[in-house]
Amino acid sequence: MTLTRRSRALALALCGWTLFTWVTRVPLLLGDDELGAGGKVLSLLPVLVFVVGAVVVALAVARRLDGAGTAVLAFAGWSIAYWVVRMAFIATNGHEAAFVVVHAVLGVVAGTLAVLAGRSALADGAGPAGLRRTLA
């Protein structure tokens, strides 16, 4: 199974957006005086997961590896799940409206790119047949 040019472009857009979102988070996180060392380390965990995931998927897609479609599906699913849960916490945790709006935009863009990349990979034949029939 080979990803089409459209699927590769969407997957790379998702990876690029993910890297932009999470790499720019690092200076904000490290400069947060309200977080102690332990809080900063814990807050860096999702950054590491997303950055490593985006790099791995981008390399698999760019090198046209056999498992690239499956990697795109997994990464897209993870991105959607994370942002749905994270936005629920942000929206109900008493943050200022501007903070909620900024994170909602980040989450909506990530979610939209994830859905587009995932659906395109499914249309190209990635993933289990049952999932392709259900979601494509």
N, C-alpha and C. Protein backbone atom coordinates (compact mmCIF):
# COMPACT_ATOMS: atom_id res chain seq x y z
N MET A 1 0.84 -1.17 0.00
CA MET A 1 0.00 0.00 0.00
C MET A 1 0.90 1.25 0.00
N THR A 2 0.65 2.11 -0.94
CA THR A 2 1.41 3.34 -1.07
C THR A 2 0.47 4.52 -0.86
N LEU A 3 0.91 5.47 -0.09
CA LEU A 3 0.11 6.67 0.12
C LEU A 3 0.17 7.55 -1.12
N THR A 4 -0.96 8.11 -1.48
CA THR A 4 -1.01 9.04 -2.60
C THR A 4 -0.31 10.34 -2.23
N ARG A 5 -0.10 11.15 -3.23
CA ARG A 5 0.53 12.46 -3.00
C ARG A 5 -0.32 13.29 -2.03
N ARG A 6 -1.65 13.23 -2.19
CA ARG A 6 -2.56 13.97 -1.30
C ARG A 6 -2.41 13.49 0.14
N SER A 7 -2.38 12.17 0.33
CA SER A 7 -2.24 11.62 1.69
C SER A 7 -0.91 12.01 2.31
N ARG A 8 0.15 11.96 1.52
CA ARG A 8 1.46 12.35 2.04
C ARG A 8 1.46 13.83 2.43
N ALA A 9 0.85 14.68 1.59
CA ALA A 9 0.81 16.11 1.90
C ALA A 9 0.02 16.38 3.17
N LEU A 10 -1.12 15.71 3.32
CA LEU A 10 -1.93 15.90 4.53
C LEU A 10 -1.21 15.39 5.77
N ALA A 11 -0.55 14.25 5.65
CA ALA A 11 0.20 13.71 6.79
C ALA A 11 1.33 14.64 7.18
N LEU A 12 2.04 15.16 6.19
CA LEU A 12 3.13 16.08 6.49
C LEU A 12 2.62 17.40 7.05
N ALA A 13 1.45 17.84 6.61
CA ALA A 13 0.84 19.05 7.19
C ALA A 13 0.50 18.81 8.66
N LEU A 14 -0.05 17.64 8.98
CA LEU A 14 -0.34 17.31 10.38
C LEU A 14 0.94 17.28 11.20
N CYS A 15 1.97 16.67 10.66
CA CYS A 15 3.26 16.62 11.38
C CYS A 15 3.85 18.02 11.56
N GLY A 16 3.78 18.84 10.53
CA GLY A 16 4.31 20.20 10.62
C GLY A 16 3.55 21.03 11.65
N TRP A 17 2.22 20.95 11.62
CA TRP A 17 1.41 21.68 12.60
C TRP A 17 1.73 21.19 14.02
N THR A 18 1.87 19.89 14.16
CA THR A 18 2.18 19.31 15.47
C THR A 18 3.52 19.83 15.99
N LEU A 19 4.51 19.82 15.13
CA LEU A 19 5.83 20.32 15.55
C LEU A 19 5.77 21.80 15.91
N PHE A 20 5.08 22.59 15.10
CA PHE A 20 4.93 24.02 15.40
C PHE A 20 4.26 24.20 16.76
N THR A 21 3.17 23.49 16.98
CA THR A 21 2.40 23.63 18.22
C THR A 21 3.23 23.26 19.44
N TRP A 22 3.92 22.12 19.38
CA TRP A 22 4.57 21.61 20.58
C TRP A 22 5.97 22.17 20.80
N VAL A 23 6.70 22.46 19.74
CA VAL A 23 8.04 23.05 19.93
C VAL A 23 7.92 24.46 20.50
N THR A 24 6.90 25.21 20.06
CA THR A 24 6.72 26.55 20.62
C THR A 24 6.21 26.50 22.05
N ARG A 25 5.75 25.37 22.50
CA ARG A 25 5.27 25.20 23.87
C ARG A 25 6.44 25.15 24.86
N VAL A 26 7.57 24.65 24.43
CA VAL A 26 8.71 24.42 25.33
C VAL A 26 9.17 25.69 26.04
N PRO A 27 9.45 26.80 25.34
CA PRO A 27 9.90 28.01 26.06
C PRO A 27 8.83 28.54 27.03
N LEU A 28 7.57 28.43 26.64
CA LEU A 28 6.49 28.87 27.54
C LEU A 28 6.47 28.02 28.80
N LEU A 29 6.63 26.74 28.61
CA LEU A 29 6.61 25.80 29.73
C LEU A 29 7.81 26.02 30.66
N LEU A 30 8.97 26.12 30.09
CA LEU A 30 10.17 26.27 30.91
C LEU A 30 10.22 27.63 31.61
N GLY A 31 9.56 28.63 31.04
CA GLY A 31 9.52 29.96 31.65
C GLY A 31 8.39 30.15 32.64
N ASP A 32 7.57 29.14 32.85
CA ASP A 32 6.43 29.24 33.77
C ASP A 32 6.92 29.12 35.21
N ASP A 33 6.93 30.25 35.92
CA ASP A 33 7.43 30.28 37.30
C ASP A 33 6.48 29.62 38.29
N GLU A 34 5.24 29.36 37.88
CA GLU A 34 4.28 28.70 38.77
C GLU A 34 4.50 27.20 38.84
N LEU A 35 5.25 26.65 37.89
CA LEU A 35 5.54 25.22 37.88
C LEU A 35 6.90 24.95 38.52
N GLY A 36 6.93 23.95 39.38
CA GLY A 36 8.20 23.51 39.92
C GLY A 36 8.90 22.59 38.93
N ALA A 37 10.04 22.06 39.33
CA ALA A 37 10.81 21.18 38.44
C ALA A 37 9.99 19.95 38.05
N GLY A 38 9.31 19.35 39.03
CA GLY A 38 8.51 18.16 38.75
C GLY A 38 7.37 18.46 37.79
N GLY A 39 6.72 19.60 37.99
CA GLY A 39 5.63 20.00 37.10
C GLY A 39 6.10 20.25 35.69
N LYS A 40 7.29 20.81 35.57
CA LYS A 40 7.84 21.06 34.24
C LYS A 40 8.18 19.75 33.53
N VAL A 41 8.76 18.81 34.28
CA VAL A 41 9.08 17.50 33.68
C VAL A 41 7.81 16.80 33.23
N LEU A 42 6.79 16.79 34.07
CA LEU A 42 5.53 16.15 33.68
C LEU A 42 4.88 16.84 32.49
N SER A 43 4.98 18.15 32.44
CA SER A 43 4.40 18.90 31.33
C SER A 43 5.16 18.69 30.03
N LEU A 44 6.42 18.28 30.13
CA LEU A 44 7.21 18.01 28.93
C LEU A 44 6.89 16.65 28.30
N LEU A 45 6.23 15.76 29.05
CA LEU A 45 5.93 14.43 28.51
C LEU A 45 5.07 14.48 27.25
N PRO A 46 3.93 15.20 27.25
CA PRO A 46 3.18 15.24 25.98
C PRO A 46 3.96 15.92 24.86
N VAL A 47 4.80 16.89 25.20
CA VAL A 47 5.63 17.53 24.18
C VAL A 47 6.52 16.48 23.52
N LEU A 48 7.18 15.67 24.32
CA LEU A 48 8.07 14.63 23.79
C LEU A 48 7.30 13.62 22.94
N VAL A 49 6.13 13.19 23.43
CA VAL A 49 5.33 12.22 22.69
C VAL A 49 4.93 12.78 21.32
N PHE A 50 4.45 14.01 21.31
CA PHE A 50 4.01 14.60 20.05
C PHE A 50 5.17 14.89 19.11
N VAL A 51 6.27 15.42 19.62
CA VAL A 51 7.41 15.74 18.76
C VAL A 51 8.01 14.47 18.18
N VAL A 52 8.24 13.47 19.00
CA VAL A 52 8.79 12.20 18.50
C VAL A 52 7.82 11.57 17.51
N GLY A 53 6.53 11.55 17.85
CA GLY A 53 5.54 10.98 16.94
C GLY A 53 5.52 11.68 15.60
N ALA A 54 5.55 13.01 15.62
CA ALA A 54 5.52 13.77 14.37
C ALA A 54 6.75 13.50 13.52
N VAL A 55 7.91 13.43 14.16
CA VAL A 55 9.15 13.16 13.41
C VAL A 55 9.12 11.76 12.82
N VAL A 56 8.70 10.77 13.60
CA VAL A 56 8.65 9.39 13.11
C VAL A 56 7.68 9.27 11.94
N VAL A 57 6.50 9.84 12.07
CA VAL A 57 5.51 9.77 10.99
C VAL A 57 6.02 10.52 9.76
N ALA A 58 6.56 11.71 9.95
CA ALA A 58 7.07 12.48 8.81
C ALA A 58 8.16 11.72 8.06
N LEU A 59 9.06 11.09 8.80
CA LEU A 59 10.13 10.31 8.15
C LEU A 59 9.56 9.11 7.41
N ALA A 60 8.60 8.41 8.02
CA ALA A 60 7.98 7.25 7.37
C ALA A 60 7.28 7.66 6.08
N VAL A 61 6.58 8.79 6.14
CA VAL A 61 5.85 9.29 4.96
C VAL A 61 6.85 9.75 3.89
N ALA A 62 7.82 10.54 4.29
CA ALA A 62 8.79 11.08 3.33
C ALA A 62 9.60 9.97 2.66
N ARG A 63 9.91 8.93 3.42
CA ARG A 63 10.69 7.81 2.86
C ARG A 63 9.81 6.76 2.21
N ARG A 64 8.49 6.98 2.26
CA ARG A 64 7.51 6.08 1.65
C ARG A 64 7.66 4.65 2.16
N LEU A 65 7.82 4.53 3.48
CA LEU A 65 7.95 3.21 4.10
C LEU A 65 6.61 2.47 4.06
N ASP A 66 6.68 1.15 4.10
CA ASP A 66 5.47 0.32 4.02
C ASP A 66 4.46 0.64 5.11
N GLY A 67 4.91 0.91 6.30
CA GLY A 67 4.00 1.16 7.42
C GLY A 67 3.59 2.61 7.59
N ALA A 68 3.88 3.46 6.61
CA ALA A 68 3.59 4.89 6.76
C ALA A 68 2.11 5.16 6.95
N GLY A 69 1.26 4.46 6.22
CA GLY A 69 -0.18 4.68 6.35
C GLY A 69 -0.69 4.33 7.73
N THR A 70 -0.21 3.22 8.27
CA THR A 70 -0.59 2.81 9.62
C THR A 70 -0.09 3.82 10.64
N ALA A 71 1.13 4.32 10.43
CA ALA A 71 1.68 5.33 11.34
C ALA A 71 0.84 6.60 11.30
N VAL A 72 0.40 7.00 10.11
CA VAL A 72 -0.45 8.18 9.98
C VAL A 72 -1.75 7.97 10.74
N LEU A 73 -2.37 6.81 10.57
CA LEU A 73 -3.63 6.52 11.27
C LEU A 73 -3.46 6.57 12.79
N ALA A 74 -2.40 5.94 13.28
CA ALA A 74 -2.16 5.93 14.73
C ALA A 74 -1.92 7.34 15.26
N PHE A 75 -1.11 8.10 14.56
CA PHE A 75 -0.79 9.45 15.00
C PHE A 75 -2.02 10.35 14.93
N ALA A 76 -2.80 10.21 13.88
CA ALA A 76 -4.03 11.00 13.74
C ALA A 76 -5.00 10.66 14.87
N GLY A 77 -5.16 9.39 15.16
CA GLY A 77 -6.05 8.97 16.25
C GLY A 77 -5.59 9.50 17.60
N TRP A 78 -4.29 9.41 17.85
CA TRP A 78 -3.73 9.93 19.10
C TRP A 78 -3.96 11.43 19.22
N SER A 79 -3.73 12.15 18.13
CA SER A 79 -3.91 13.61 18.14
C SER A 79 -5.35 13.99 18.47
N ILE A 80 -6.29 13.33 17.82
CA ILE A 80 -7.70 13.62 18.06
C ILE A 80 -8.07 13.32 19.51
N ALA A 81 -7.69 12.14 19.98
CA ALA A 81 -8.03 11.75 21.35
C ALA A 81 -7.43 12.72 22.38
N TYR A 82 -6.18 13.08 22.18
CA TYR A 82 -5.52 13.99 23.12
C TYR A 82 -6.25 15.32 23.18
N TRP A 83 -6.53 15.91 22.02
CA TRP A 83 -7.13 17.24 22.01
C TRP A 83 -8.56 17.25 22.53
N VAL A 84 -9.30 16.18 22.30
CA VAL A 84 -10.67 16.11 22.86
C VAL A 84 -10.61 16.12 24.38
N VAL A 85 -9.74 15.29 24.94
CA VAL A 85 -9.62 15.22 26.41
C VAL A 85 -9.03 16.52 26.95
N ARG A 86 -7.99 17.01 26.32
CA ARG A 86 -7.31 18.23 26.80
C ARG A 86 -8.25 19.44 26.78
N MET A 87 -9.04 19.57 25.73
CA MET A 87 -9.96 20.70 25.64
C MET A 87 -11.04 20.62 26.71
N ALA A 88 -11.48 19.43 27.04
CA ALA A 88 -12.46 19.29 28.12
C ALA A 88 -11.87 19.80 29.43
N PHE A 89 -10.61 19.44 29.71
CA PHE A 89 -9.95 19.92 30.92
C PHE A 89 -9.76 21.44 30.89
N ILE A 90 -9.30 21.95 29.77
CA ILE A 90 -9.05 23.39 29.66
C ILE A 90 -10.34 24.19 29.81
N ALA A 91 -11.39 23.74 29.15
CA ALA A 91 -12.66 24.48 29.16
C ALA A 91 -13.32 24.48 30.53
N THR A 92 -13.06 23.48 31.35
CA THR A 92 -13.73 23.37 32.64
C THR A 92 -12.83 23.68 33.83
N ASN A 93 -11.65 24.24 33.57
CA ASN A 93 -10.68 24.44 34.63
C ASN A 93 -10.51 25.90 35.04
N GLY A 94 -11.44 26.76 34.65
CA GLY A 94 -11.39 28.14 35.10
C GLY A 94 -10.35 29.01 34.44
N HIS A 95 -9.89 28.65 33.26
CA HIS A 95 -8.92 29.48 32.55
C HIS A 95 -9.61 30.70 31.95
N GLU A 96 -8.81 31.72 31.67
CA GLU A 96 -9.33 32.91 31.02
C GLU A 96 -9.82 32.55 29.62
N ALA A 97 -10.77 33.33 29.12
CA ALA A 97 -11.38 33.05 27.81
C ALA A 97 -10.33 33.01 26.70
N ALA A 98 -9.38 33.93 26.72
CA ALA A 98 -8.36 33.97 25.66
C ALA A 98 -7.55 32.67 25.63
N PHE A 99 -7.21 32.15 26.79
CA PHE A 99 -6.47 30.89 26.89
C PHE A 99 -7.27 29.75 26.28
N VAL A 100 -8.55 29.72 26.60
CA VAL A 100 -9.44 28.66 26.08
C VAL A 100 -9.55 28.78 24.56
N VAL A 101 -9.73 30.00 24.07
CA VAL A 101 -9.88 30.20 22.62
C VAL A 101 -8.60 29.79 21.87
N VAL A 102 -7.45 30.20 22.36
CA VAL A 102 -6.19 29.84 21.71
C VAL A 102 -6.04 28.33 21.64
N HIS A 103 -6.31 27.65 22.74
CA HIS A 103 -6.17 26.20 22.75
C HIS A 103 -7.25 25.52 21.91
N ALA A 104 -8.42 26.11 21.86
CA ALA A 104 -9.47 25.56 20.99
C ALA A 104 -9.04 25.64 19.54
N VAL A 105 -8.43 26.75 19.14
CA VAL A 105 -7.95 26.89 17.76
C VAL A 105 -6.85 25.86 17.48
N LEU A 106 -5.90 25.73 18.40
CA LEU A 106 -4.84 24.73 18.22
C LEU A 106 -5.43 23.33 18.06
N GLY A 107 -6.39 23.01 18.92
CA GLY A 107 -7.01 21.69 18.89
C GLY A 107 -7.85 21.46 17.65
N VAL A 108 -8.59 22.47 17.22
CA VAL A 108 -9.43 22.32 16.02
C VAL A 108 -8.57 22.14 14.78
N VAL A 109 -7.51 22.91 14.66
CA VAL A 109 -6.62 22.76 13.50
C VAL A 109 -5.97 21.37 13.52
N ALA A 110 -5.46 20.95 14.68
CA ALA A 110 -4.85 19.62 14.78
C ALA A 110 -5.87 18.53 14.48
N GLY A 111 -7.07 18.67 15.02
CA GLY A 111 -8.11 17.67 14.79
C GLY A 111 -8.53 17.61 13.34
N THR A 112 -8.67 18.76 12.72
CA THR A 112 -9.06 18.80 11.30
C THR A 112 -7.99 18.15 10.43
N LEU A 113 -6.73 18.51 10.66
CA LEU A 113 -5.65 17.89 9.89
C LEU A 113 -5.57 16.39 10.16
N ALA A 114 -5.80 15.98 11.39
CA ALA A 114 -5.77 14.55 11.73
C ALA A 114 -6.88 13.79 11.02
N VAL A 115 -8.09 14.35 11.01
CA VAL A 115 -9.20 13.69 10.32
C VAL A 115 -8.91 13.60 8.82
N LEU A 116 -8.46 14.69 8.23
CA LEU A 116 -8.18 14.69 6.79
C LEU A 116 -7.06 13.69 6.44
N ALA A 117 -5.98 13.70 7.22
CA ALA A 117 -4.87 12.79 6.96
C ALA A 117 -5.28 11.34 7.18
N GLY A 118 -6.02 11.09 8.25
CA GLY A 118 -6.47 9.73 8.54
C GLY A 118 -7.42 9.19 7.48
N ARG A 119 -8.39 9.99 7.10
CA ARG A 119 -9.36 9.55 6.07
C ARG A 119 -8.67 9.32 4.73
N SER A 120 -7.73 10.16 4.40
CA SER A 120 -7.01 9.99 3.14
C SER A 120 -6.17 8.72 3.16
N ALA A 121 -5.51 8.45 4.28
CA ALA A 121 -4.72 7.22 4.41
C ALA A 121 -5.63 6.00 4.32
N LEU A 122 -6.80 6.07 4.95
CA LEU A 122 -7.77 4.96 4.86
C LEU A 122 -8.20 4.74 3.41
N ALA A 123 -8.46 5.83 2.70
CA ALA A 123 -8.87 5.72 1.29
C ALA A 123 -7.77 5.09 0.44
N ASP A 124 -6.52 5.25 0.86
CA ASP A 124 -5.40 4.65 0.14
C ASP A 124 -5.18 3.19 0.51
N GLY A 125 -5.95 2.70 1.48
CA GLY A 125 -5.85 1.29 1.87
C GLY A 125 -5.08 1.03 3.14
N ALA A 126 -4.76 2.06 3.90
CA ALA A 126 -4.04 1.87 5.16
C ALA A 126 -5.00 1.34 6.22
N GLY A 127 -4.45 0.62 7.18
CA GLY A 127 -5.24 0.15 8.31
C GLY A 127 -6.00 -1.12 8.02
N PRO A 128 -6.62 -1.69 9.05
CA PRO A 128 -7.39 -2.92 8.89
C PRO A 128 -8.61 -2.70 7.99
N ALA A 129 -9.01 -3.71 7.26
CA ALA A 129 -10.13 -3.60 6.31
C ALA A 129 -11.41 -3.15 7.00
N GLY A 130 -11.69 -3.65 8.19
CA GLY A 130 -12.91 -3.27 8.90
C GLY A 130 -12.93 -1.79 9.24
N LEU A 131 -11.80 -1.26 9.61
CA LEU A 131 -11.71 0.17 9.92
C LEU A 131 -11.90 0.99 8.66
N ARG A 132 -11.33 0.53 7.57
CA ARG A 132 -11.48 1.26 6.30
C ARG A 132 -12.95 1.31 5.89
N ARG A 133 -13.66 0.19 6.03
CA ARG A 133 -15.09 0.16 5.66
C ARG A 133 -15.91 1.06 6.57
N THR A 134 -15.57 1.09 7.84
CA THR A 134 -16.34 1.85 8.82
C THR A 134 -16.13 3.35 8.68
N LEU A 135 -14.90 3.79 8.49
CA LEU A 135 -14.56 5.21 8.55
C LEU A 135 -14.37 5.91 7.21
N ALA A 136 -14.11 5.16 6.17
CA ALA A 136 -13.79 5.82 4.88
C ALA A 136 -15.01 6.37 4.19
